[in-house]
Structure formats: C-alpha cells, structure tokens
PDB file of N, CA and C in Angstrom:
ATOM      1  N   MET A   1     215.439 270.672 135.284  1.00  0.00           N
ATOM      2  CA  MET A   1     214.719 269.619 134.586  1.00  0.00           C
ATOM      3  C   MET A   1     214.999 268.278 135.253  1.00  0.00           C
ATOM      4  N   ASP A   2     213.989 267.454 135.283  1.00  0.00           N
ATOM      5  CA  ASP A   2     214.183 266.151 135.914  1.00  0.00           C
ATOM      6  C   ASP A   2     214.833 265.157 134.950  1.00  0.00           C
ATOM      7  N   ASN A   3     215.184 263.998 135.471  1.00  0.00           N
ATOM      8  CA  ASN A   3     215.875 262.983 134.677  1.00  0.00           C
ATOM      9  C   ASN A   3     215.074 262.522 133.472  1.00  0.00           C
ATOM     10  N   LYS A   4     213.748 262.469 133.601  1.00  0.00           N
ATOM     11  CA  LYS A   4     212.903 262.036 132.486  1.00  0.00           C
ATOM     12  C   LYS A   4     213.084 262.977 131.295  1.00  0.00           C
ATOM     13  N   PHE A   5     213.096 264.281 131.566  1.00  0.00           N
ATOM     14  CA  PHE A   5     213.280 265.259 130.492  1.00  0.00           C
ATOM     15  C   PHE A   5     214.706 265.218 129.962  1.00  0.00           C
ATOM     16  N   ASN A   6     215.688 265.029 130.823  1.00  0.00           N
ATOM     17  CA  ASN A   6     217.075 264.948 130.371  1.00  0.00           C
ATOM     18  C   ASN A   6     217.271 263.774 129.420  1.00  0.00           C
ATOM     19  N   ARG A   7     216.670 262.646 129.727  1.00  0.00           N
ATOM     20  CA  ARG A   7     216.798 261.465 128.857  1.00  0.00           C
ATOM     21  C   ARG A   7     216.155 261.704 127.494  1.00  0.00           C
ATOM     22  N   ILE A   8     214.984 262.301 127.491  1.00  0.00           N
ATOM     23  CA  ILE A   8     214.313 262.530 126.207  1.00  0.00           C
ATOM     24  C   ILE A   8     215.064 263.589 125.396  1.00  0.00           C
ATOM     25  N   LEU A   9     215.625 264.596 126.064  1.00  0.00           N
ATOM     26  CA  LEU A   9     216.409 265.608 125.353  1.00  0.00           C
ATOM     27  C   LEU A   9     217.651 264.988 124.720  1.00  0.00           C
ATOM     28  N   GLN A  10     218.290 264.078 125.408  1.00  0.00           N
ATOM     29  CA  GLN A  10     219.447 263.382 124.834  1.00  0.00           C
ATOM     30  C   GLN A  10     219.032 262.611 123.581  1.00  0.00           C
ATOM     31  N   ARG A  11     217.888 261.960 123.631  1.00  0.00           N
ATOM     32  CA  ARG A  11     217.389 261.226 122.460  1.00  0.00           C
ATOM     33  C   ARG A  11     217.085 262.180 121.302  1.00  0.00           C
ATOM     34  N   LEU A  12     216.486 263.319 121.617  1.00  0.00           N
ATOM     35  CA  LEU A  12     216.177 264.300 120.575  1.00  0.00           C
ATOM     36  C   LEU A  12     217.457 264.836 119.931  1.00  0.00           C
ATOM     37  N   TRP A  13     218.436 265.210 120.749  1.00  0.00           N
ATOM     38  CA  TRP A  13     219.673 265.794 120.215  1.00  0.00           C
ATOM     39  C   TRP A  13     220.450 264.817 119.338  1.00  0.00           C
ATOM     40  N   LYS A  14     220.379 263.536 119.636  1.00  0.00           N
ATOM     41  CA  LYS A  14     221.078 262.541 118.809  1.00  0.00           C
ATOM     42  C   LYS A  14     220.522 262.499 117.392  1.00  0.00           C
ATOM     43  N   ARG A  15     219.280 262.913 117.225  1.00  0.00           N
ATOM     44  CA  ARG A  15     218.614 262.858 115.918  1.00  0.00           C
ATOM     45  C   ARG A  15     218.391 264.241 115.312  1.00  0.00           C
ATOM     46  N   THR A  16     219.100 265.257 115.806  1.00  0.00           N
ATOM     47  CA  THR A  16     218.826 266.635 115.405  1.00  0.00           C
ATOM     48  C   THR A  16     219.963 267.254 114.599  1.00  0.00           C
ATOM     49  N   THR A  17     219.571 268.057 113.610  1.00  0.00           N
ATOM     50  CA  THR A  17     220.490 268.889 112.841  1.00  0.00           C
ATOM     51  C   THR A  17     220.036 270.334 113.026  1.00  0.00           C
ATOM     52  N   LYS A  18     220.967 271.231 113.368  1.00  0.00           N
ATOM     53  CA  LYS A  18     220.613 272.644 113.509  1.00  0.00           C
ATOM     54  C   LYS A  18     220.722 273.336 112.149  1.00  0.00           C
ATOM     55  N   ASP A  19     219.710 274.126 111.811  1.00  0.00           N
ATOM     56  CA  ASP A  19     219.716 274.937 110.597  1.00  0.00           C
ATOM     57  C   ASP A  19     220.039 276.365 111.012  1.00  0.00           C
ATOM     58  N   VAL A  20     221.263 276.794 110.754  1.00  0.00           N
ATOM     59  CA  VAL A  20     221.728 278.111 111.188  1.00  0.00           C
ATOM     60  C   VAL A  20     220.918 279.232 110.535  1.00  0.00           C
ATOM     61  N   ALA A  21     220.526 279.061 109.288  1.00  0.00           N
ATOM     62  CA  ALA A  21     219.796 280.109 108.559  1.00  0.00           C
ATOM     63  C   ALA A  21     218.422 280.390 109.157  1.00  0.00           C
ATOM     64  N   THR A  22     217.721 279.344 109.605  1.00  0.00           N
ATOM     65  CA  THR A  22     216.356 279.527 110.100  1.00  0.00           C
ATOM     66  C   THR A  22     216.254 279.478 111.619  1.00  0.00           C
ATOM     67  N   GLY A  23     217.290 278.948 112.284  1.00  0.00           N
ATOM     68  CA  GLY A  23     217.224 278.757 113.731  1.00  0.00           C
ATOM     69  C   GLY A  23     216.478 277.489 114.114  1.00  0.00           C
ATOM     70  N   CYS A  24     216.141 276.675 113.133  1.00  0.00           N
ATOM     71  CA  CYS A  24     215.386 275.452 113.397  1.00  0.00           C
ATOM     72  C   CYS A  24     216.285 274.351 113.940  1.00  0.00           C
ATOM     73  N   TRP A  25     215.700 273.549 114.813  1.00  0.00           N
ATOM     74  CA  TRP A  25     216.324 272.309 115.282  1.00  0.00           C
ATOM     75  C   TRP A  25     215.538 271.208 114.582  1.00  0.00           C
ATOM     76  N   LEU A  26     216.119 270.616 113.573  1.00  0.00           N
ATOM     77  CA  LEU A  26     215.407 269.680 112.716  1.00  0.00           C
ATOM     78  C   LEU A  26     215.615 268.250 113.175  1.00  0.00           C
ATOM     79  N   LEU A  27     214.528 267.616 113.575  1.00  0.00           N
ATOM     80  CA  LEU A  27     214.565 266.235 114.033  1.00  0.00           C
ATOM     81  C   LEU A  27     214.521 265.317 112.823  1.00  0.00           C
ATOM     82  N   ASN A  28     215.520 264.480 112.714  1.00  0.00           N
ATOM     83  CA  ASN A  28     215.601 263.529 111.614  1.00  0.00           C
ATOM     84  C   ASN A  28     214.820 262.268 111.970  1.00  0.00           C
ATOM     85  N   GLY A  29     214.086 261.772 111.005  1.00  0.00           N
ATOM     86  CA  GLY A  29     213.311 260.561 111.227  1.00  0.00           C
ATOM     87  C   GLY A  29     212.137 260.505 110.279  1.00  0.00           C
ATOM     88  N   LYS A  30     211.394 259.454 110.397  1.00  0.00           N
ATOM     89  CA  LYS A  30     210.219 259.247 109.541  1.00  0.00           C
ATOM     90  C   LYS A  30     209.099 260.190 109.964  1.00  0.00           C
ATOM     91  N   ALA A  31     208.515 260.858 108.994  1.00  0.00           N
ATOM     92  CA  ALA A  31     207.430 261.803 109.261  1.00  0.00           C
ATOM     93  C   ALA A  31     206.085 261.088 109.271  1.00  0.00           C
ATOM     94  N   ASP A  32     205.144 261.651 110.031  1.00  0.00           N
ATOM     95  CA  ASP A  32     203.784 261.114 110.029  1.00  0.00           C
ATOM     96  C   ASP A  32     203.041 261.606 108.788  1.00  0.00           C
ATOM     97  N   LYS A  33     201.764 261.302 108.690  1.00  0.00           N
ATOM     98  CA  LYS A  33     200.985 261.654 107.489  1.00  0.00           C
ATOM     99  C   LYS A  33     200.911 263.154 107.234  1.00  0.00           C
ATOM    100  N   ASP A  34     201.115 263.979 108.268  1.00  0.00           N
ATOM    101  CA  ASP A  34     201.068 265.434 108.116  1.00  0.00           C
ATOM    102  C   ASP A  34     202.458 266.057 107.985  1.00  0.00           C
ATOM    103  N   GLY A  35     203.500 265.235 107.934  1.00  0.00           N
ATOM    104  CA  GLY A  35     204.856 265.732 107.753  1.00  0.00           C
ATOM    105  C   GLY A  35     205.625 265.992 109.039  1.00  0.00           C
ATOM    106  N   TYR A  36     205.033 265.675 110.190  1.00  0.00           N
ATOM    107  CA  TYR A  36     205.689 265.904 111.472  1.00  0.00           C
ATOM    108  C   TYR A  36     206.484 264.678 111.894  1.00  0.00           C
ATOM    109  N   VAL A  37     207.707 264.901 112.402  1.00  0.00           N
ATOM    110  CA  VAL A  37     208.514 263.802 112.915  1.00  0.00           C
ATOM    111  C   VAL A  37     208.137 263.604 114.381  1.00  0.00           C
ATOM    112  N   THR A  38     207.952 262.366 114.759  1.00  0.00           N
ATOM    113  CA  THR A  38     207.517 262.051 116.116  1.00  0.00           C
ATOM    114  C   THR A  38     208.597 261.304 116.873  1.00  0.00           C
ATOM    115  N   ILE A  39     208.435 261.277 118.174  1.00  0.00           N
ATOM    116  CA  ILE A  39     209.318 260.516 119.046  1.00  0.00           C
ATOM    117  C   ILE A  39     208.448 259.845 120.104  1.00  0.00           C
ATOM    118  N   TYR A  40     208.836 258.659 120.509  1.00  0.00           N
ATOM    119  CA  TYR A  40     208.073 257.912 121.498  1.00  0.00           C
ATOM    120  C   TYR A  40     208.351 258.484 122.888  1.00  0.00           C
ATOM    121  N   TYR A  41     207.290 258.876 123.594  1.00  0.00           N
ATOM    122  CA  TYR A  41     207.417 259.492 124.918  1.00  0.00           C
ATOM    123  C   TYR A  41     206.163 259.201 125.717  1.00  0.00           C
ATOM    124  N   SER A  42     206.335 258.828 126.950  1.00  0.00           N
ATOM    125  CA  SER A  42     205.215 258.600 127.859  1.00  0.00           C
ATOM    126  C   SER A  42     204.199 257.616 127.265  1.00  0.00           C
ATOM    127  N   ALA A  43     204.721 256.537 126.724  1.00  0.00           N
ATOM    128  CA  ALA A  43     203.919 255.434 126.178  1.00  0.00           C
ATOM    129  C   ALA A  43     203.110 255.784 124.933  1.00  0.00           C
ATOM    130  N   ARG A  44     203.549 256.812 124.184  1.00  0.00           N
ATOM    131  CA  ARG A  44     202.877 257.113 122.921  1.00  0.00           C
ATOM    132  C   ARG A  44     203.794 257.922 122.009  1.00  0.00           C
ATOM    133  N   SER A  45     203.421 258.020 120.769  1.00  0.00           N
ATOM    134  CA  SER A  45     204.177 258.772 119.780  1.00  0.00           C
ATOM    135  C   SER A  45     203.719 260.234 119.812  1.00  0.00           C
ATOM    136  N   ILE A  46     204.675 261.141 120.020  1.00  0.00           N
ATOM    137  CA  ILE A  46     204.371 262.573 120.159  1.00  0.00           C
ATOM    138  C   ILE A  46     205.142 263.357 119.099  1.00  0.00           C
ATOM    139  N   ARG A  47     204.508 264.339 118.499  1.00  0.00           N
ATOM    140  CA  ARG A  47     205.209 265.220 117.561  1.00  0.00           C
ATOM    141  C   ARG A  47     206.270 266.013 118.325  1.00  0.00           C
ATOM    142  N   ALA A  48     207.439 266.138 117.707  1.00  0.00           N
ATOM    143  CA  ALA A  48     208.587 266.756 118.376  1.00  0.00           C
ATOM    144  C   ALA A  48     208.311 268.192 118.808  1.00  0.00           C
ATOM    145  N   ASN A  49     207.605 268.974 118.013  1.00  0.00           N
ATOM    146  CA  ASN A  49     207.340 270.365 118.390  1.00  0.00           C
ATOM    147  C   ASN A  49     206.442 270.440 119.632  1.00  0.00           C
ATOM    148  N   ARG A  50     205.496 269.553 119.771  1.00  0.00           N
ATOM    149  CA  ARG A  50     204.621 269.511 120.950  1.00  0.00           C
ATOM    150  C   ARG A  50     205.393 269.049 122.184  1.00  0.00           C
ATOM    151  N   LEU A  51     206.249 268.055 121.990  1.00  0.00           N
ATOM    152  CA  LEU A  51     207.049 267.560 123.097  1.00  0.00           C
ATOM    153  C   LEU A  51     207.991 268.650 123.602  1.00  0.00           C
ATOM    154  N   SER A  52     208.570 269.419 122.701  1.00  0.00           N
ATOM    155  CA  SER A  52     209.451 270.518 123.078  1.00  0.00           C
ATOM    156  C   SER A  52     208.700 271.568 123.905  1.00  0.00           C
ATOM    157  N   ALA A  53     207.507 271.942 123.465  1.00  0.00           N
ATOM    158  CA  ALA A  53     206.700 272.915 124.213  1.00  0.00           C
ATOM    159  C   ALA A  53     206.327 272.367 125.590  1.00  0.00           C
ATOM    160  N   HIS A  54     206.102 271.084 125.675  1.00  0.00           N
ATOM    161  CA  HIS A  54     205.793 270.437 126.955  1.00  0.00           C
ATOM    162  C   HIS A  54     207.007 270.488 127.890  1.00  0.00           C
ATOM    163  N   ILE A  55     208.171 270.131 127.378  1.00  0.00           N
ATOM    164  CA  ILE A  55     209.383 270.097 128.194  1.00  0.00           C
ATOM    165  C   ILE A  55     209.801 271.493 128.645  1.00  0.00           C
ATOM    166  N   PHE A  56     209.854 272.435 127.717  1.00  0.00           N
ATOM    167  CA  PHE A  56     210.408 273.751 128.022  1.00  0.00           C
ATOM    168  C   PHE A  56     209.402 274.740 128.615  1.00  0.00           C
ATOM    169  N   TYR A  57     208.105 274.575 128.307  1.00  0.00           N
ATOM    170  CA  TYR A  57     207.105 275.545 128.764  1.00  0.00           C
ATOM    171  C   TYR A  57     205.961 274.953 129.567  1.00  0.00           C
ATOM    172  N   GLY A  58     205.956 273.634 129.707  1.00  0.00           N
ATOM    173  CA  GLY A  58     204.895 273.004 130.486  1.00  0.00           C
ATOM    174  C   GLY A  58     203.566 272.901 129.767  1.00  0.00           C
ATOM    175  N   MET A  59     203.550 273.121 128.449  1.00  0.00           N
ATOM    176  CA  MET A  59     202.316 273.006 127.689  1.00  0.00           C
ATOM    177  C   MET A  59     201.822 271.563 127.737  1.00  0.00           C
ATOM    178  N   GLU A  60     200.543 271.382 127.980  1.00  0.00           N
ATOM    179  CA  GLU A  60     199.965 270.048 128.002  1.00  0.00           C
ATOM    180  C   GLU A  60     200.101 269.411 126.621  1.00  0.00           C
ATOM    181  N   LEU A  61     200.417 268.144 126.588  1.00  0.00           N
ATOM    182  CA  LEU A  61     200.588 267.456 125.312  1.00  0.00           C
ATOM    183  C   LEU A  61     199.311 267.413 124.492  1.00  0.00           C
ATOM    184  N   THR A  62     198.173 267.528 125.142  1.00  0.00           N
ATOM    185  CA  THR A  62     196.884 267.492 124.445  1.00  0.00           C
ATOM    186  C   THR A  62     196.356 268.884 124.095  1.00  0.00           C
ATOM    187  N   SER A  63     197.140 269.914 124.360  1.00  0.00           N
ATOM    188  CA  SER A  63     196.720 271.292 124.099  1.00  0.00           C
ATOM    189  C   SER A  63     196.437 271.510 122.610  1.00  0.00           C
ATOM    190  N   LYS A  64     195.497 272.385 122.320  1.00  0.00           N
ATOM    191  CA  LYS A  64     195.166 272.736 120.940  1.00  0.00           C
ATOM    192  C   LYS A  64     196.002 273.919 120.442  1.00  0.00           C
ATOM    193  N   LEU A  65     196.856 274.488 121.317  1.00  0.00           N
ATOM    194  CA  LEU A  65     197.685 275.619 120.923  1.00  0.00           C
ATOM    195  C   LEU A  65     198.718 275.203 119.882  1.00  0.00           C
ATOM    196  N   GLN A  66     199.075 276.153 119.012  1.00  0.00           N
ATOM    197  CA  GLN A  66     200.110 275.904 118.021  1.00  0.00           C
ATOM    198  C   GLN A  66     201.468 275.907 118.722  1.00  0.00           C
ATOM    199  N   ALA A  67     202.347 274.987 118.333  1.00  0.00           N
ATOM    200  CA  ALA A  67     203.638 274.846 119.018  1.00  0.00           C
ATOM    201  C   ALA A  67     204.793 274.998 118.043  1.00  0.00           C
ATOM    202  N   ASN A  68     204.919 276.173 117.419  1.00  0.00           N
ATOM    203  CA  ASN A  68     206.028 276.468 116.509  1.00  0.00           C
ATOM    204  C   ASN A  68     206.922 277.522 117.149  1.00  0.00           C
ATOM    205  N   HIS A  69     208.236 277.493 116.814  1.00  0.00           N
ATOM    206  CA  HIS A  69     209.116 278.481 117.425  1.00  0.00           C
ATOM    207  C   HIS A  69     208.967 279.855 116.798  1.00  0.00           C
ATOM    208  N   THR A  70     208.472 279.938 115.596  1.00  0.00           N
ATOM    209  CA  THR A  70     208.056 281.210 115.001  1.00  0.00           C
ATOM    210  C   THR A  70     206.769 280.931 114.241  1.00  0.00           C
ATOM    211  N   ARG A  71     205.985 281.941 114.084  1.00  0.00           N
ATOM    212  CA  ARG A  71     204.699 281.774 113.402  1.00  0.00           C
ATOM    213  C   ARG A  71     204.876 281.242 111.983  1.00  0.00           C
ATOM    214  N   ASP A  72     205.960 281.650 111.333  1.00  0.00           N
ATOM    215  CA  ASP A  72     206.167 281.286 109.935  1.00  0.00           C
ATOM    216  C   ASP A  72     207.150 280.136 109.736  1.00  0.00           C
ATOM    217  N   CYS A  73     207.415 279.366 110.764  1.00  0.00           N
ATOM    218  CA  CYS A  73     208.367 278.258 110.643  1.00  0.00           C
ATOM    219  C   CYS A  73     207.873 277.274 109.576  1.00  0.00           C
ATOM    220  N   PRO A  74     208.682 277.055 108.536  1.00  0.00           N
ATOM    221  CA  PRO A  74     208.256 276.186 107.447  1.00  0.00           C
ATOM    222  C   PRO A  74     208.554 274.699 107.681  1.00  0.00           C
ATOM    223  N   ASN A  75     209.212 274.383 108.789  1.00  0.00           N
ATOM    224  CA  ASN A  75     209.684 273.021 109.007  1.00  0.00           C
ATOM    225  C   ASN A  75     208.847 272.279 110.039  1.00  0.00           C
ATOM    226  N   SER A  76     208.109 271.292 109.584  1.00  0.00           N
ATOM    227  CA  SER A  76     207.257 270.537 110.508  1.00  0.00           C
ATOM    228  C   SER A  76     208.057 269.596 111.388  1.00  0.00           C
ATOM    229  N   ASN A  77     209.345 269.419 111.113  1.00  0.00           N
ATOM    230  CA  ASN A  77     210.186 268.591 111.975  1.00  0.00           C
ATOM    231  C   ASN A  77     211.032 269.429 112.929  1.00  0.00           C
ATOM    232  N   CYS A  78     210.713 270.706 113.073  1.00  0.00           N
ATOM    233  CA  CYS A  78     211.442 271.617 113.964  1.00  0.00           C
ATOM    234  C   CYS A  78     210.917 271.501 115.395  1.00  0.00           C
ATOM    235  N   TRP A  79     211.843 271.443 116.352  1.00  0.00           N
ATOM    236  CA  TRP A  79     211.445 271.377 117.762  1.00  0.00           C
ATOM    237  C   TRP A  79     212.101 272.467 118.606  1.00  0.00           C
ATOM    238  N   ASN A  80     212.567 273.545 117.965  1.00  0.00           N
ATOM    239  CA  ASN A  80     213.167 274.679 118.688  1.00  0.00           C
ATOM    240  C   ASN A  80     212.097 275.304 119.586  1.00  0.00           C
ATOM    241  N   PRO A  81     212.351 275.425 120.895  1.00  0.00           N
ATOM    242  CA  PRO A  81     211.334 275.924 121.819  1.00  0.00           C
ATOM    243  C   PRO A  81     211.214 277.449 121.868  1.00  0.00           C
ATOM    244  N   GLU A  82     212.064 278.179 121.184  1.00  0.00           N
ATOM    245  CA  GLU A  82     212.032 279.645 121.311  1.00  0.00           C
ATOM    246  C   GLU A  82     210.896 280.289 120.564  1.00  0.00           C
TER     247      GLU A  82
END
C-alpha cells in the first residue's frame, strides 16, 4: 500500500472500535442522513465502507456495488473489508 492509503488507514483506526461478536470495525463519528459514518478523502466526504473497499480491493469510489463485509452486516458504520 502506498503512503496515501497508510495515512488514511491510520486516521480510520484512530476512530475505530472492533466488535468481536460481529467482526465489525465500527467507525466512530457523526453519521450522514442514511446512518453511514464518513471520512474526508481525496477532497470529498466518503462513506467508510466504500473507502475500505477502494483501499483493500480497488473498487472505484463511484461504483454502484454494495460494499459490506457480510451481506447481513447490520452496522452502517462498519468498514471491515472482509
């Protein structure tokens, strides 16, 4: 991973709590109107789950694909890439 991704990952981890029961990485912060926590990246506010898929899998930030670590993940602030 390049330095840009390392810096953003450090920012994400500083605001994250791991939920052992669900495997979720829960980003703490103010949620948007749909309940997703965002982080500022590449000159705009990005939902953490989309940013995680971009960093770990190369998914385009504008992709219409769902970016949850499990199909039934109940946490909109989860950014676990698995």
